[in-house]
Amino acid sequence: HGLGRWLSQQLKPIVTALPSYVASSSKLVDLLKKQQFDPTRKISLFTCDATSMYTNICTDHALRVITTHLRLHKPVANIGAIINGLD
């Protein structure tokens, strides 16, 4: 649990800095309200509810994707320690 908590703490600022990160459904509504949509274009919004999302993620694949992202983008100084924690 200690390593998991530490990794979560290290990864949180990286994840929240991603342009695709939305903190909550109310934040999404706020973002959408600020958008200027062309009324002549058909726009669709699709949503879904995730059930047991984390238990359905392939852990090995997820760790490879996260490690690759961290190596490519080097978003923080202690990237080596984070990657070691993921390994």
PDB file of N, CA and C in Angstrom:
ATOM      1  N   HIS A   1       0.816  -1.207   0.000  1.00  0.00           N
ATOM      2  CA  HIS A   1       0.000   0.000   0.000  1.00  0.00           C
ATOM      3  C   HIS A   1       0.856   1.266   0.000  1.00  0.00           C
ATOM      4  N   GLY A   2       1.976   1.223   0.693  1.00  0.00           N
ATOM      5  CA  GLY A   2       2.825   2.412   0.771  1.00  0.00           C
ATOM      6  C   GLY A   2       3.329   2.849  -0.584  1.00  0.00           C
ATOM      7  N   LEU A   3       3.818   1.894  -1.397  1.00  0.00           N
ATOM      8  CA  LEU A   3       4.329   2.218  -2.731  1.00  0.00           C
ATOM      9  C   LEU A   3       3.199   2.717  -3.621  1.00  0.00           C
ATOM     10  N   GLY A   4       2.051   2.085  -3.532  1.00  0.00           N
ATOM     11  CA  GLY A   4       0.902   2.507  -4.337  1.00  0.00           C
ATOM     12  C   GLY A   4       0.466   3.928  -4.015  1.00  0.00           C
ATOM     13  N   ARG A   5       0.431   4.247  -2.734  1.00  0.00           N
ATOM     14  CA  ARG A   5       0.064   5.617  -2.327  1.00  0.00           C
ATOM     15  C   ARG A   5       1.094   6.622  -2.823  1.00  0.00           C
ATOM     16  N   TRP A   6       2.397   6.270  -2.704  1.00  0.00           N
ATOM     17  CA  TRP A   6       3.456   7.163  -3.148  1.00  0.00           C
ATOM     18  C   TRP A   6       3.355   7.388  -4.664  1.00  0.00           C
ATOM     19  N   LEU A   7       3.161   6.286  -5.430  1.00  0.00           N
ATOM     20  CA  LEU A   7       3.032   6.422  -6.879  1.00  0.00           C
ATOM     21  C   LEU A   7       1.823   7.275  -7.246  1.00  0.00           C
ATOM     22  N   SER A   8       0.717   7.056  -6.578  1.00  0.00           N
ATOM     23  CA  SER A   8      -0.475   7.847  -6.833  1.00  0.00           C
ATOM     24  C   SER A   8      -0.205   9.330  -6.586  1.00  0.00           C
ATOM     25  N   GLN A   9       0.484   9.620  -5.512  1.00  0.00           N
ATOM     26  CA  GLN A   9       0.836  11.005  -5.173  1.00  0.00           C
ATOM     27  C   GLN A   9       1.761  11.603  -6.236  1.00  0.00           C
ATOM     28  N   GLN A  10       2.711  10.817  -6.741  1.00  0.00           N
ATOM     29  CA  GLN A  10       3.648  11.300  -7.757  1.00  0.00           C
ATOM     30  C   GLN A  10       2.967  11.494  -9.111  1.00  0.00           C
ATOM     31  N   LEU A  11       2.050  10.595  -9.451  1.00  0.00           N
ATOM     32  CA  LEU A  11       1.406  10.641 -10.759  1.00  0.00           C
ATOM     33  C   LEU A  11       0.270  11.661 -10.839  1.00  0.00           C
ATOM     34  N   LYS A  12      -0.344  12.001  -9.714  1.00  0.00           N
ATOM     35  CA  LYS A  12      -1.505  12.903  -9.731  1.00  0.00           C
ATOM     36  C   LYS A  12      -1.227  14.233 -10.425  1.00  0.00           C
ATOM     37  N   PRO A  13      -0.129  14.944 -10.100  1.00  0.00           N
ATOM     38  CA  PRO A  13       0.095  16.217 -10.800  1.00  0.00           C
ATOM     39  C   PRO A  13       0.389  16.037 -12.289  1.00  0.00           C
ATOM     40  N   ILE A  14       0.934  14.890 -12.661  1.00  0.00           N
ATOM     41  CA  ILE A  14       1.192  14.615 -14.074  1.00  0.00           C
ATOM     42  C   ILE A  14      -0.130  14.415 -14.799  1.00  0.00           C
ATOM     43  N   VAL A  15      -0.998  13.617 -14.203  1.00  0.00           N
ATOM     44  CA  VAL A  15      -2.299  13.319 -14.818  1.00  0.00           C
ATOM     45  C   VAL A  15      -3.157  14.578 -14.896  1.00  0.00           C
ATOM     46  N   THR A  16      -3.207  15.351 -13.835  1.00  0.00           N
ATOM     47  CA  THR A  16      -4.070  16.539 -13.832  1.00  0.00           C
ATOM     48  C   THR A  16      -3.567  17.623 -14.784  1.00  0.00           C
ATOM     49  N   ALA A  17      -2.307  17.553 -15.212  1.00  0.00           N
ATOM     50  CA  ALA A  17      -1.761  18.517 -16.172  1.00  0.00           C
ATOM     51  C   ALA A  17      -2.049  18.127 -17.623  1.00  0.00           C
ATOM     52  N   LEU A  18      -2.526  16.905 -17.850  1.00  0.00           N
ATOM     53  CA  LEU A  18      -2.827  16.469 -19.209  1.00  0.00           C
ATOM     54  C   LEU A  18      -3.999  17.264 -19.770  1.00  0.00           C
ATOM     55  N   PRO A  19      -3.943  17.649 -21.050  1.00  0.00           N
ATOM     56  CA  PRO A  19      -5.037  18.442 -21.616  1.00  0.00           C
ATOM     57  C   PRO A  19      -6.375  17.707 -21.653  1.00  0.00           C
ATOM     58  N   SER A  20      -6.346  16.391 -21.620  1.00  0.00           N
ATOM     59  CA  SER A  20      -7.592  15.618 -21.662  1.00  0.00           C
ATOM     60  C   SER A  20      -8.201  15.384 -20.283  1.00  0.00           C
ATOM     61  N   TYR A  21      -7.540  15.820 -19.220  1.00  0.00           N
ATOM     62  CA  TYR A  21      -8.019  15.573 -17.863  1.00  0.00           C
ATOM     63  C   TYR A  21      -9.209  16.470 -17.533  1.00  0.00           C
ATOM     64  N   VAL A  22     -10.269  15.866 -17.056  1.00  0.00           N
ATOM     65  CA  VAL A  22     -11.438  16.599 -16.557  1.00  0.00           C
ATOM     66  C   VAL A  22     -11.724  16.041 -15.171  1.00  0.00           C
ATOM     67  N   ALA A  23     -11.733  16.907 -14.177  1.00  0.00           N
ATOM     68  CA  ALA A  23     -11.817  16.479 -12.778  1.00  0.00           C
ATOM     69  C   ALA A  23     -13.155  15.860 -12.399  1.00  0.00           C
ATOM     70  N   SER A  24     -14.222  16.317 -13.022  1.00  0.00           N
ATOM     71  CA  SER A  24     -15.547  15.817 -12.629  1.00  0.00           C
ATOM     72  C   SER A  24     -16.554  16.147 -13.724  1.00  0.00           C
ATOM     73  N   SER A  25     -17.733  15.574 -13.605  1.00  0.00           N
ATOM     74  CA  SER A  25     -18.780  15.859 -14.593  1.00  0.00           C
ATOM     75  C   SER A  25     -19.208  17.323 -14.529  1.00  0.00           C
ATOM     76  N   SER A  26     -19.189  17.923 -13.350  1.00  0.00           N
ATOM     77  CA  SER A  26     -19.565  19.341 -13.254  1.00  0.00           C
ATOM     78  C   SER A  26     -18.509  20.226 -13.923  1.00  0.00           C
ATOM     79  N   LYS A  27     -17.243  19.824 -13.852  1.00  0.00           N
ATOM     80  CA  LYS A  27     -16.185  20.572 -14.555  1.00  0.00           C
ATOM     81  C   LYS A  27     -16.363  20.441 -16.063  1.00  0.00           C
ATOM     82  N   LEU A  28     -16.788  19.259 -16.518  1.00  0.00           N
ATOM     83  CA  LEU A  28     -17.055  19.069 -17.944  1.00  0.00           C
ATOM     84  C   LEU A  28     -18.192  19.982 -18.397  1.00  0.00           C
ATOM     85  N   VAL A  29     -19.237  20.068 -17.620  1.00  0.00           N
ATOM     86  CA  VAL A  29     -20.359  20.956 -17.947  1.00  0.00           C
ATOM     87  C   VAL A  29     -19.863  22.392 -18.035  1.00  0.00           C
ATOM     88  N   ASP A  30     -19.045  22.815 -17.084  1.00  0.00           N
ATOM     89  CA  ASP A  30     -18.489  24.179 -17.111  1.00  0.00           C
ATOM     90  C   ASP A  30     -17.679  24.415 -18.389  1.00  0.00           C
ATOM     91  N   LEU A  31     -16.843  23.435 -18.766  1.00  0.00           N
ATOM     92  CA  LEU A  31     -16.046  23.565 -19.995  1.00  0.00           C
ATOM     93  C   LEU A  31     -16.934  23.663 -21.232  1.00  0.00           C
ATOM     94  N   LEU A  32     -17.970  22.838 -21.276  1.00  0.00           N
ATOM     95  CA  LEU A  32     -18.867  22.848 -22.431  1.00  0.00           C
ATOM     96  C   LEU A  32     -19.651  24.153 -22.533  1.00  0.00           C
ATOM     97  N   LYS A  33     -20.022  24.724 -21.401  1.00  0.00           N
ATOM     98  CA  LYS A  33     -20.758  25.989 -21.408  1.00  0.00           C
ATOM     99  C   LYS A  33     -19.925  27.133 -21.977  1.00  0.00           C
ATOM    100  N   LYS A  34     -18.613  27.036 -21.858  1.00  0.00           N
ATOM    101  CA  LYS A  34     -17.710  28.080 -22.350  1.00  0.00           C
ATOM    102  C   LYS A  34     -17.414  27.958 -23.847  1.00  0.00           C
ATOM    103  N   GLN A  35     -17.783  26.824 -24.440  1.00  0.00           N
ATOM    104  CA  GLN A  35     -17.482  26.584 -25.848  1.00  0.00           C
ATOM    105  C   GLN A  35     -18.461  27.312 -26.759  1.00  0.00           C
ATOM    106  N   GLN A  36     -17.962  27.736 -27.889  1.00  0.00           N
ATOM    107  CA  GLN A  36     -18.791  28.330 -28.938  1.00  0.00           C
ATOM    108  C   GLN A  36     -19.037  27.244 -29.983  1.00  0.00           C
ATOM    109  N   PHE A  37     -20.250  26.760 -30.077  1.00  0.00           N
ATOM    110  CA  PHE A  37     -20.597  25.721 -31.036  1.00  0.00           C
ATOM    111  C   PHE A  37     -21.312  26.335 -32.231  1.00  0.00           C
ATOM    112  N   ASP A  38     -20.951  25.873 -33.407  1.00  0.00           N
ATOM    113  CA  ASP A  38     -21.580  26.329 -34.647  1.00  0.00           C
ATOM    114  C   ASP A  38     -22.989  25.738 -34.710  1.00  0.00           C
ATOM    115  N   PRO A  39     -24.021  26.577 -34.665  1.00  0.00           N
ATOM    116  CA  PRO A  39     -25.395  26.069 -34.639  1.00  0.00           C
ATOM    117  C   PRO A  39     -25.803  25.369 -35.941  1.00  0.00           C
ATOM    118  N   THR A  40     -25.035  25.550 -37.013  1.00  0.00           N
ATOM    119  CA  THR A  40     -25.379  24.906 -38.288  1.00  0.00           C
ATOM    120  C   THR A  40     -24.789  23.498 -38.389  1.00  0.00           C
ATOM    121  N   ARG A  41     -23.959  23.127 -37.440  1.00  0.00           N
ATOM    122  CA  ARG A  41     -23.335  21.797 -37.461  1.00  0.00           C
ATOM    123  C   ARG A  41     -24.018  20.874 -36.455  1.00  0.00           C
ATOM    124  N   LYS A  42     -24.160  19.649 -36.849  1.00  0.00           N
ATOM    125  CA  LYS A  42     -24.729  18.647 -35.950  1.00  0.00           C
ATOM    126  C   LYS A  42     -23.624  18.197 -34.986  1.00  0.00           C
ATOM    127  N   ILE A  43     -23.906  18.260 -33.706  1.00  0.00           N
ATOM    128  CA  ILE A  43     -22.931  17.885 -32.683  1.00  0.00           C
ATOM    129  C   ILE A  43     -23.571  16.833 -31.788  1.00  0.00           C
ATOM    130  N   SER A  44     -22.796  15.809 -31.478  1.00  0.00           N
ATOM    131  CA  SER A  44     -23.278  14.757 -30.575  1.00  0.00           C
ATOM    132  C   SER A  44     -22.337  14.645 -29.391  1.00  0.00           C
ATOM    133  N   LEU A  45     -22.894  14.370 -28.251  1.00  0.00           N
ATOM    134  CA  LEU A  45     -22.110  14.127 -27.047  1.00  0.00           C
ATOM    135  C   LEU A  45     -22.504  12.753 -26.529  1.00  0.00           C
ATOM    136  N   PHE A  46     -21.515  11.901 -26.374  1.00  0.00           N
ATOM    137  CA  PHE A  46     -21.750  10.553 -25.876  1.00  0.00           C
ATOM    138  C   PHE A  46     -21.131  10.426 -24.495  1.00  0.00           C
ATOM    139  N   THR A  47     -21.846   9.813 -23.598  1.00  0.00           N
ATOM    140  CA  THR A  47     -21.331   9.592 -22.249  1.00  0.00           C
ATOM    141  C   THR A  47     -21.492   8.120 -21.895  1.00  0.00           C
ATOM    142  N   CYS A  48     -20.799   7.722 -20.875  1.00  0.00           N
ATOM    143  CA  CYS A  48     -20.951   6.364 -20.379  1.00  0.00           C
ATOM    144  C   CYS A  48     -20.588   6.335 -18.905  1.00  0.00           C
ATOM    145  N   ASP A  49     -21.048   5.319 -18.251  1.00  0.00           N
ATOM    146  CA  ASP A  49     -20.698   5.096 -16.857  1.00  0.00           C
ATOM    147  C   ASP A  49     -19.692   3.965 -16.809  1.00  0.00           C
ATOM    148  N   ALA A  50     -18.611   4.158 -16.111  1.00  0.00           N
ATOM    149  CA  ALA A  50     -17.605   3.106 -15.978  1.00  0.00           C
ATOM    150  C   ALA A  50     -17.912   2.304 -14.715  1.00  0.00           C
ATOM    151  N   THR A  51     -18.051   1.017 -14.883  1.00  0.00           N
ATOM    152  CA  THR A  51     -18.285   0.123 -13.764  1.00  0.00           C
ATOM    153  C   THR A  51     -17.092  -0.810 -13.645  1.00  0.00           C
ATOM    154  N   SER A  52     -16.520  -0.871 -12.478  1.00  0.00           N
ATOM    155  CA  SER A  52     -15.355  -1.732 -12.245  1.00  0.00           C
ATOM    156  C   SER A  52     -14.256  -1.452 -13.260  1.00  0.00           C
ATOM    157  N   MET A  53     -14.059  -0.180 -13.581  1.00  0.00           N
ATOM    158  CA  MET A  53     -13.111   0.193 -14.620  1.00  0.00           C
ATOM    159  C   MET A  53     -11.699  -0.302 -14.310  1.00  0.00           C
ATOM    160  N   TYR A  54     -11.193  -0.045 -13.118  1.00  0.00           N
ATOM    161  CA  TYR A  54      -9.810  -0.384 -12.813  1.00  0.00           C
ATOM    162  C   TYR A  54      -9.573  -1.886 -12.766  1.00  0.00           C
ATOM    163  N   THR A  55     -10.548  -2.650 -12.362  1.00  0.00           N
ATOM    164  CA  THR A  55     -10.354  -4.098 -12.318  1.00  0.00           C
ATOM    165  C   THR A  55     -10.366  -4.704 -13.714  1.00  0.00           C
ATOM    166  N   ASN A  56     -10.843  -3.957 -14.712  1.00  0.00           N
ATOM    167  CA  ASN A  56     -10.885  -4.449 -16.084  1.00  0.00           C
ATOM    168  C   ASN A  56      -9.712  -3.966 -16.938  1.00  0.00           C
ATOM    169  N   ILE A  57      -8.844  -3.158 -16.384  1.00  0.00           N
ATOM    170  CA  ILE A  57      -7.672  -2.677 -17.108  1.00  0.00           C
ATOM    171  C   ILE A  57      -6.579  -3.732 -17.007  1.00  0.00           C
ATOM    172  N   CYS A  58      -5.978  -4.062 -18.153  1.00  0.00           N
ATOM    173  CA  CYS A  58      -4.851  -4.996 -18.167  1.00  0.00           C
ATOM    174  C   CYS A  58      -3.659  -4.283 -17.522  1.00  0.00           C
ATOM    175  N   THR A  59      -3.260  -4.725 -16.349  1.00  0.00           N
ATOM    176  CA  THR A  59      -2.219  -4.041 -15.567  1.00  0.00           C
ATOM    177  C   THR A  59      -0.902  -3.962 -16.316  1.00  0.00           C
ATOM    178  N   ASP A  60      -0.461  -5.056 -16.930  1.00  0.00           N
ATOM    179  CA  ASP A  60       0.813  -5.043 -17.657  1.00  0.00           C
ATOM    180  C   ASP A  60       0.801  -4.022 -18.786  1.00  0.00           C
ATOM    181  N   HIS A  61      -0.285  -3.992 -19.530  1.00  0.00           N
ATOM    182  CA  HIS A  61      -0.397  -3.023 -20.631  1.00  0.00           C
ATOM    183  C   HIS A  61      -0.410  -1.592 -20.088  1.00  0.00           C
ATOM    184  N   ALA A  62      -1.195  -1.361 -19.056  1.00  0.00           N
ATOM    185  CA  ALA A  62      -1.285  -0.016 -18.470  1.00  0.00           C
ATOM    186  C   ALA A  62       0.076   0.461 -17.983  1.00  0.00           C
ATOM    187  N   LEU A  63       0.822  -0.408 -17.329  1.00  0.00           N
ATOM    188  CA  LEU A  63       2.152  -0.019 -16.834  1.00  0.00           C
ATOM    189  C   LEU A  63       3.087   0.299 -17.994  1.00  0.00           C
ATOM    190  N   ARG A  64       3.013  -0.460 -19.086  1.00  0.00           N
ATOM    191  CA  ARG A  64       3.852  -0.171 -20.263  1.00  0.00           C
ATOM    192  C   ARG A  64       3.495   1.184 -20.864  1.00  0.00           C
ATOM    193  N   VAL A  65       2.206   1.463 -20.985  1.00  0.00           N
ATOM    194  CA  VAL A  65       1.757   2.730 -21.569  1.00  0.00           C
ATOM    195  C   VAL A  65       2.185   3.909 -20.691  1.00  0.00           C
ATOM    196  N   ILE A  66       1.987   3.792 -19.390  1.00  0.00           N
ATOM    197  CA  ILE A  66       2.365   4.867 -18.468  1.00  0.00           C
ATOM    198  C   ILE A  66       3.873   5.090 -18.503  1.00  0.00           C
ATOM    199  N   THR A  67       4.649   4.013 -18.456  1.00  0.00           N
ATOM    200  CA  THR A  67       6.109   4.133 -18.468  1.00  0.00           C
ATOM    201  C   THR A  67       6.585   4.771 -19.769  1.00  0.00           C
ATOM    202  N   THR A  68       6.019   4.358 -20.890  1.00  0.00           N
ATOM    203  CA  THR A  68       6.387   4.951 -22.180  1.00  0.00           C
ATOM    204  C   THR A  68       6.081   6.441 -22.197  1.00  0.00           C
ATOM    205  N   HIS A  69       4.903   6.812 -21.723  1.00  0.00           N
ATOM    206  CA  HIS A  69       4.526   8.235 -21.676  1.00  0.00           C
ATOM    207  C   HIS A  69       5.520   9.025 -20.814  1.00  0.00           C
ATOM    208  N   LEU A  70       5.847   8.488 -19.657  1.00  0.00           N
ATOM    209  CA  LEU A  70       6.766   9.190 -18.761  1.00  0.00           C
ATOM    210  C   LEU A  70       8.148   9.329 -19.391  1.00  0.00           C
ATOM    211  N   ARG A  71       8.624   8.294 -20.052  1.00  0.00           N
ATOM    212  CA  ARG A  71       9.949   8.358 -20.696  1.00  0.00           C
ATOM    213  C   ARG A  71       9.960   9.359 -21.843  1.00  0.00           C
ATOM    214  N   LEU A  72       8.898   9.416 -22.602  1.00  0.00           N
ATOM    215  CA  LEU A  72       8.840  10.329 -23.748  1.00  0.00           C
ATOM    216  C   LEU A  72       8.695  11.788 -23.329  1.00  0.00           C
ATOM    217  N   HIS A  73       7.867  12.035 -22.339  1.00  0.00           N
ATOM    218  CA  HIS A  73       7.518  13.413 -21.992  1.00  0.00           C
ATOM    219  C   HIS A  73       8.268  13.968 -20.785  1.00  0.00           C
ATOM    220  N   LYS A  74       8.843  13.107 -19.964  1.00  0.00           N
ATOM    221  CA  LYS A  74       9.608  13.518 -18.779  1.00  0.00           C
ATOM    222  C   LYS A  74       8.973  14.723 -18.061  1.00  0.00           C
ATOM    223  N   PRO A  75       7.745  14.537 -17.565  1.00  0.00           N
ATOM    224  CA  PRO A  75       7.014  15.669 -16.995  1.00  0.00           C
ATOM    225  C   PRO A  75       7.523  16.148 -15.635  1.00  0.00           C
ATOM    226  N   VAL A  76       8.319  15.352 -14.946  1.00  0.00           N
ATOM    227  CA  VAL A  76       8.828  15.759 -13.628  1.00  0.00           C
ATOM    228  C   VAL A  76      10.283  15.327 -13.486  1.00  0.00           C
ATOM    229  N   ALA A  77      10.964  15.936 -12.542  1.00  0.00           N
ATOM    230  CA  ALA A  77      12.387  15.670 -12.346  1.00  0.00           C
ATOM    231  C   ALA A  77      12.670  14.258 -11.846  1.00  0.00           C
ATOM    232  N   ASN A  78      11.827  13.719 -10.975  1.00  0.00           N
ATOM    233  CA  ASN A  78      12.088  12.418 -10.379  1.00  0.00           C
ATOM    234  C   ASN A  78      11.495  11.257 -11.179  1.00  0.00           C
ATOM    235  N   ILE A  79      11.544  11.393 -12.505  1.00  0.00           N
ATOM    236  CA  ILE A  79      10.938  10.412 -13.381  1.00  0.00           C
ATOM    237  C   ILE A  79      11.516   9.019 -13.194  1.00  0.00           C
ATOM    238  N   GLY A  80      12.825   8.921 -12.945  1.00  0.00           N
ATOM    239  CA  GLY A  80      13.464   7.619 -12.737  1.00  0.00           C
ATOM    240  C   GLY A  80      12.888   6.881 -11.540  1.00  0.00           C
ATOM    241  N   ALA A  81      12.665   7.592 -10.457  1.00  0.00           N
ATOM    242  CA  ALA A  81      12.095   6.981  -9.255  1.00  0.00           C
ATOM    243  C   ALA A  81      10.670   6.498  -9.509  1.00  0.00           C
ATOM    244  N   ILE A  82       9.906   7.265 -10.249  1.00  0.00           N
ATOM    245  CA  ILE A  82       8.523   6.870 -10.550  1.00  0.00           C
ATOM    246  C   ILE A  82       8.519   5.625 -11.427  1.00  0.00           C
ATOM    247  N   ILE A  83       9.363   5.603 -12.456  1.00  0.00           N
ATOM    248  CA  ILE A  83       9.430   4.437 -13.342  1.00  0.00           C
ATOM    249  C   ILE A  83       9.890   3.203 -12.566  1.00  0.00           C
ATOM    250  N   ASN A  84      10.866   3.375 -11.677  1.00  0.00           N
ATOM    251  CA  ASN A  84      11.294   2.257 -10.846  1.00  0.00           C
ATOM    252  C   ASN A  84      10.151   1.746  -9.975  1.00  0.00           C
ATOM    253  N   GLY A  85       9.337   2.644  -9.457  1.00  0.00           N
ATOM    254  CA  GLY A  85       8.190   2.244  -8.652  1.00  0.00           C
ATOM    255  C   GLY A  85       7.164   1.487  -9.459  1.00  0.00           C
ATOM    256  N   LEU A  86       7.028   1.830 -10.746  1.00  0.00           N
ATOM    257  CA  LEU A  86       6.083   1.144 -11.621  1.00  0.00           C
ATOM    258  C   LEU A  86       6.578  -0.236 -12.014  1.00  0.00           C
ATOM    259  N   ASP A  87       7.909  -0.384 -12.080  1.00  0.00           N
ATOM    260  CA  ASP A  87       8.492  -1.691 -12.441  1.00  0.00           C
ATOM    261  C   ASP A  87       8.350  -2.608 -11.266  1.00  0.00           C
TER     262      ASP A  87
END
